Every structure is written in C-alpha cells, then in structure tokens.
C-alpha cells in the first residue's frame, strides 16, 4: 500500500473522531491488501480500487468501533455475522482489542479470512468459522457481549439472530443503508418479541459521497417470548413482523 492511502485512512478515521495507532493502521491496510490480492482468485468484493476500498471497507467498518465508544457494552467476546472478507470483524477486533468469532456460511470465504488472520498475527484474538447463525445460536447461547452485522439482513432478522447469542445487556450493532418506516416498525416488533430494546440510531455520511449509513444498536434486556433460535432459514422465510403477528 502506498503512503497516500495510509494518510487517507488516518484522515478519514479522524474525521469521525477516531484516532488510530500506527500499529492499527498497519494491520488495517495489510488486511485490505490481502483482501484485494485474494480477490483476484476468489470473489470477495466488487471494490478493487485501493482508495475506494479504504473508505467503503475500512472506514465503513470503523463506524462499529465509533458506536461502541458511545454505548455501554459488557466486556467479552464479539461475534461478526456474515463476515465475508472479514469486515467489520477484523477492523473491529484490531481497534477494540476484543476477542471475536467471525462467521460466514460460505466455507471459501471463511478459509480466506483464516488466512488473513494468520498473516496478520491475530489468531490469538480472532477466529473464523463456517456455520449458520441459527446453528451457532444453539452451540454458543448467551456467550457474546456484542454482535456486529454489516449489510447482512433486515433489522428484524438480525435481532432474531442476535438475541440467543447475546448475554444479558449485550448489544447488537447493525450497519445499514437508508432505513424505511416498515423496516423500523418490524424491528421494533421483533425486538419486543426477542427481549431486545433500541438503544441508539446514528446516521453517517461516508467520505467522498461513498454512501449513507445508519448504525442501529439494540440491547438484550430480557428473555425472548418465543423459543430461539428457530430452525435454519425461518428468520428470513417467515420474519417476525408487524404484518405477520
């Protein structure tokens, strides 16, 4: 990576009030470099220009760290849902220094993320796994303090996924594009059913008009009123919604 990309990352992070250490910058840019190189043989991202990728992958991922700084969250491990090429999981782990599990249902992507983690020297903190979130919800019930999800699914689906995985007072941080009234009302319904409550909703504009982001945070406050997790696929096929109640 050339120095102007390094300067870009530092400057854009600071524009959101985040100060990165030199070591963190090194790791973030090395991760991005590994992703773009691996992308030549495995489809991980459509964003192949390094400058665009700094904004749309790294800085976009750093919004999760920024949100965590403003929200009270228990200490402990985080879970990154649908990690893809390791976003936001690897940047989140690097900047928060929390241990984390990064999951995706696509084994080839998980294998690539394992390679990235190994090369970055982060295997003592971060680990990837190929698994469906509903299956993990049975294996690791209540074991995570934080769940992150970047452009993975509708909010009501994410709430249902996160609830059984979160410990009491744990938080779900979801990054989305523009949110409509229907998605928000369905999220409110799902959060009530799943023992979650809305904590914050923040809006951000990525640099260079790269996109509008809404980062929404929910906290686990009580036991769900239904048995979770439901069977694999049910959350998306028959989502918890105001229309379907």
Protein backbone atom coordinates (compact mmCIF):
# COMPACT_ATOMS: atom_id res chain seq x y z
CA UNK A 1 0.00 0.00 0.00
CA UNK A 2 1.31 3.46 -0.85
CA UNK A 3 1.63 6.24 1.72
CA UNK A 4 -1.21 8.35 0.34
CA UNK A 5 -3.66 5.52 1.13
CA UNK A 6 -2.26 5.42 4.65
CA UNK A 7 -2.81 9.15 5.01
CA UNK A 8 -6.32 8.74 3.61
CA UNK A 9 -7.21 6.12 6.23
CA UNK A 10 -5.86 8.20 9.12
CA UNK A 11 -7.56 11.37 7.90
CA UNK A 12 -10.93 9.75 7.24
CA UNK A 13 -10.91 7.98 10.58
CA UNK A 14 -10.11 11.25 12.34
CA UNK A 15 -13.00 12.93 10.53
CA UNK A 16 -15.26 10.66 12.62
CA UNK A 17 -13.30 11.32 15.79
CA UNK A 18 -11.31 8.07 15.74
CA UNK A 19 -7.56 8.16 16.31
CA UNK A 20 -5.70 5.07 15.13
CA UNK A 21 -2.30 3.94 16.34
CA UNK A 22 0.45 3.27 13.80
CA UNK A 23 0.15 -0.44 14.52
CA UNK A 24 -3.60 -0.41 13.94
CA UNK A 25 -3.13 1.42 10.63
CA UNK A 26 -0.52 -1.15 9.60
CA UNK A 27 -2.88 -4.04 10.36
CA UNK A 28 -5.91 -2.47 8.69
CA UNK A 29 -4.04 -1.68 5.48
CA UNK A 30 -2.36 -5.08 5.44
CA UNK A 31 -5.77 -6.71 5.80
CA UNK A 32 -7.10 -4.67 2.90
CA UNK A 33 -4.06 -5.54 0.80
CA UNK A 34 -4.60 -9.25 1.49
CA UNK A 35 -8.29 -8.98 0.55
CA UNK A 36 -7.58 -7.25 -2.76
CA UNK A 37 -4.88 -9.80 -3.62
CA UNK A 38 -7.09 -12.77 -2.74
CA UNK A 39 -9.94 -11.18 -4.69
CA UNK A 40 -8.02 -11.96 -7.89
CA UNK A 41 -8.76 -15.65 -7.40
CA UNK A 42 -11.82 -15.60 -5.11
CA UNK A 43 -14.77 -13.25 -5.40
CA UNK A 44 -14.72 -11.33 -2.11
CA UNK A 45 -15.53 -7.77 -3.15
CA UNK A 46 -16.55 -5.67 -6.14
CA UNK A 47 -14.47 -2.79 -4.80
CA UNK A 48 -10.99 -3.21 -6.26
CA UNK A 49 -9.59 0.33 -6.20
CA UNK A 50 -7.48 0.68 -3.02
CA UNK A 51 -8.62 4.23 -2.32
CA UNK A 52 -12.30 3.30 -2.69
CA UNK A 53 -11.74 0.23 -0.53
CA UNK A 54 -10.22 2.30 2.28
CA UNK A 55 -13.46 4.27 2.53
CA UNK A 56 -16.01 1.61 1.69
CA UNK A 57 -14.47 -1.24 3.68
CA UNK A 58 -12.11 0.06 6.36
CA UNK A 59 -13.69 3.38 7.31
CA UNK A 60 -17.17 1.89 6.95
CA UNK A 61 -16.11 -0.87 9.38
CA UNK A 62 -14.68 1.66 11.82
CA UNK A 63 -18.19 3.05 12.37
CA UNK A 64 -18.78 -0.02 14.56
CA UNK A 65 -15.84 0.95 16.76
CA UNK A 66 -17.09 4.51 16.92
CA UNK A 67 -20.53 3.33 18.02
CA UNK A 68 -19.07 1.08 20.70
CA UNK A 69 -17.26 4.06 22.21
CA UNK A 70 -20.65 5.72 22.81
CA UNK A 71 -22.54 2.68 24.10
CA UNK A 72 -22.09 0.82 27.37
CA UNK A 73 -21.21 -2.75 26.46
CA UNK A 74 -20.16 -5.65 28.70
CA UNK A 75 -16.59 -6.88 28.43
CA UNK A 76 -16.07 -10.06 26.45
CA UNK A 77 -16.06 -11.59 23.01
CA UNK A 78 -17.89 -10.28 19.97
CA UNK A 79 -19.46 -12.12 17.05
CA UNK A 80 -19.34 -10.84 13.48
CA UNK A 81 -22.27 -12.12 11.40
CA UNK A 82 -21.74 -12.72 7.68
CA UNK A 83 -18.14 -11.57 7.85
CA UNK A 84 -17.41 -12.04 4.13
CA UNK A 85 -13.82 -10.85 3.68
CA UNK A 86 -13.51 -10.02 7.38
CA UNK A 87 -15.42 -6.74 7.50
CA UNK A 88 -16.16 -5.37 10.00
CA UNK A 89 -14.82 -8.23 12.16
CA UNK A 90 -11.09 -7.80 11.65
CA UNK A 91 -11.06 -3.97 11.88
CA UNK A 92 -13.38 -4.18 14.90
CA UNK A 93 -11.10 -6.66 16.63
CA UNK A 94 -7.99 -4.64 15.80
CA UNK A 95 -9.39 -1.35 17.12
CA UNK A 96 -11.31 -2.62 20.18
CA UNK A 97 -8.82 -5.37 21.10
CA UNK A 98 -11.74 -7.64 21.92
CA UNK A 99 -11.59 -11.35 21.10
CA UNK A 100 -14.01 -12.30 18.37
CA UNK A 101 -15.59 -15.04 16.29
CA UNK A 102 -16.19 -14.22 12.61
CA UNK A 103 -18.77 -16.42 10.92
CA UNK A 104 -19.99 -16.91 7.38
CA UNK A 105 -21.95 -19.69 5.73
CA UNK A 106 -19.53 -19.79 2.75
CA UNK A 107 -16.54 -22.01 3.56
CA UNK A 108 -14.27 -20.49 0.91
CA UNK A 109 -14.68 -17.05 2.45
CA UNK A 110 -14.02 -18.40 5.94
CA UNK A 111 -10.85 -20.13 4.71
CA UNK A 112 -9.68 -16.82 3.22
CA UNK A 113 -10.42 -14.97 6.48
CA UNK A 114 -8.44 -17.60 8.40
CA UNK A 115 -5.52 -16.93 6.06
CA UNK A 116 -5.82 -13.18 6.65
CA UNK A 117 -5.95 -13.60 10.43
CA UNK A 118 -2.90 -15.87 10.41
CA UNK A 119 -0.86 -13.50 8.27
CA UNK A 120 -1.85 -10.55 10.45
CA UNK A 121 -0.77 -12.38 13.58
CA UNK A 122 -4.23 -12.11 15.12
CA UNK A 123 -5.02 -15.80 15.62
CA UNK A 124 -4.74 -15.43 19.41
CA UNK A 125 -7.68 -13.00 19.37
CA UNK A 126 -9.79 -13.72 16.29
CA UNK A 127 -11.11 -16.91 14.74
CA UNK A 128 -13.42 -17.57 11.80
CA UNK A 129 -15.94 -20.37 11.45
CA UNK A 130 -18.14 -21.66 8.63
CA UNK A 131 -21.55 -22.09 10.25
CA UNK A 132 -25.12 -20.91 10.00
CA UNK A 133 -26.01 -18.40 12.70
CA UNK A 134 -29.00 -20.46 13.85
CA UNK A 135 -26.70 -23.43 14.48
CA UNK A 136 -24.27 -21.25 16.40
CA UNK A 137 -27.17 -19.97 18.49
CA UNK A 138 -27.60 -23.49 19.88
CA UNK A 139 -23.87 -24.05 20.45
CA UNK A 140 -22.92 -20.69 21.98
CA UNK A 141 -26.07 -19.45 23.68
CA UNK A 142 -25.56 -16.22 25.62
CA UNK A 143 -21.79 -16.23 25.12
CA UNK A 144 -21.23 -12.93 23.31
CA UNK A 145 -21.17 -9.39 24.62
CA UNK A 146 -21.57 -7.84 21.18
CA UNK A 147 -22.82 -8.91 17.75
CA UNK A 148 -21.85 -6.92 14.65
CA UNK A 149 -23.59 -7.10 11.28
CA UNK A 150 -22.74 -5.04 8.20
CA UNK A 151 -25.27 -5.08 5.34
CA UNK A 152 -26.32 -8.65 6.20
CA UNK A 153 -30.13 -8.70 6.50
CA UNK A 154 -33.21 -6.79 7.55
CA UNK A 155 -33.10 -5.47 11.13
CA UNK A 156 -35.86 -7.79 12.38
CA UNK A 157 -33.90 -10.79 11.08
CA UNK A 158 -30.67 -9.56 12.68
CA UNK A 159 -32.42 -9.04 16.01
CA UNK A 160 -33.72 -12.61 15.93
CA UNK A 161 -30.26 -13.94 15.03
CA UNK A 162 -28.50 -11.97 17.76
CA UNK A 163 -30.85 -12.50 20.71
CA UNK A 164 -29.95 -16.10 21.64
CA UNK A 165 -26.23 -15.41 21.16
CA UNK A 166 -26.05 -12.32 23.37
CA UNK A 167 -25.53 -12.31 27.10
CA UNK A 168 -27.81 -10.14 29.23
CA UNK A 169 -27.04 -6.46 28.49
CA UNK A 170 -25.10 -7.44 25.37
CA UNK A 171 -25.57 -5.34 22.24
CA UNK A 172 -26.26 -5.79 18.56
CA UNK A 173 -24.66 -3.19 16.27
CA UNK A 174 -26.10 -3.23 12.75
CA UNK A 175 -24.95 -1.01 9.90
CA UNK A 176 -27.47 -0.38 7.15
CA UNK A 177 -28.17 1.94 4.26
CA UNK A 178 -31.22 4.22 4.43
CA UNK A 179 -33.93 2.74 6.66
CA UNK A 180 -37.60 2.81 5.79
CA UNK A 181 -40.55 3.04 8.18
CA UNK A 182 -41.59 -0.58 7.55
CA UNK A 183 -38.15 -1.99 8.43
CA UNK A 184 -38.06 0.12 11.58
CA UNK A 185 -41.55 -0.89 12.71
CA UNK A 186 -40.77 -4.56 12.08
CA UNK A 187 -37.53 -4.14 14.06
CA UNK A 188 -39.48 -2.64 16.96
CA UNK A 189 -41.85 -5.62 16.93
CA UNK A 190 -39.03 -8.17 16.65
CA UNK A 191 -37.06 -6.53 19.46
CA UNK A 192 -40.05 -6.82 21.81
CA UNK A 193 -40.51 -10.50 20.95
CA UNK A 194 -36.77 -11.25 21.22
CA UNK A 195 -36.11 -9.47 24.51
CA UNK A 196 -34.20 -6.60 22.93
CA UNK A 197 -34.62 -2.82 23.06
CA UNK A 198 -33.46 0.00 20.80
CA UNK A 199 -30.52 1.90 22.27
CA UNK A 200 -29.41 4.24 19.51
CA UNK A 201 -29.76 5.10 15.85
CA UNK A 202 -26.94 7.14 14.33
CA UNK A 203 -26.55 8.37 10.78
CA UNK A 204 -23.25 8.88 8.97
CA UNK A 205 -22.14 10.01 5.55
CA UNK A 206 -19.04 8.22 4.29
CA UNK A 207 -16.33 10.45 2.76
CA UNK A 208 -16.39 11.21 -0.97
CA UNK A 209 -20.15 10.64 -1.08
CA UNK A 210 -19.43 6.92 -0.77
CA UNK A 211 -22.71 6.17 0.96
CA UNK A 212 -25.22 6.90 3.72
CA UNK A 213 -25.03 4.67 6.78
CA UNK A 214 -27.43 4.17 9.63
CA UNK A 215 -25.91 2.34 12.58
CA UNK A 216 -28.60 0.94 14.84
CA UNK A 217 -27.90 -0.56 18.27
CA UNK A 218 -30.13 -2.88 20.30
CA UNK A 219 -29.54 -4.26 23.81
CA UNK A 220 -30.55 -7.66 25.18
CA UNK A 221 -32.72 -6.80 28.19
CA UNK A 222 -34.85 -9.88 28.83
CA UNK A 223 -35.58 -13.42 27.72
CA UNK A 224 -37.40 -13.74 24.37
CA UNK A 225 -41.08 -14.64 24.41
CA UNK A 226 -40.52 -17.34 21.77
CA UNK A 227 -38.03 -20.19 21.57
CA UNK A 228 -34.86 -19.08 19.81
CA UNK A 229 -33.12 -19.85 17.59
CA UNK A 230 -35.80 -21.04 15.24
CA UNK A 231 -34.95 -23.62 12.55
CA UNK A 232 -32.41 -22.65 9.91
CA UNK A 233 -33.95 -20.28 7.36
CA UNK A 234 -37.09 -19.44 9.31
CA UNK A 235 -35.95 -15.95 10.28
CA UNK A 236 -35.71 -14.94 6.63
CA UNK A 237 -38.57 -17.01 5.22
CA UNK A 238 -41.04 -16.09 7.97
CA UNK A 239 -39.60 -13.00 9.65
CA UNK A 240 -41.01 -11.53 12.83
CA UNK A 241 -43.03 -8.55 11.61
CA UNK A 242 -45.94 -6.32 12.42
CA UNK A 243 -47.81 -7.73 9.41
CA UNK A 244 -47.25 -11.34 10.44
CA UNK A 245 -48.03 -11.09 14.16
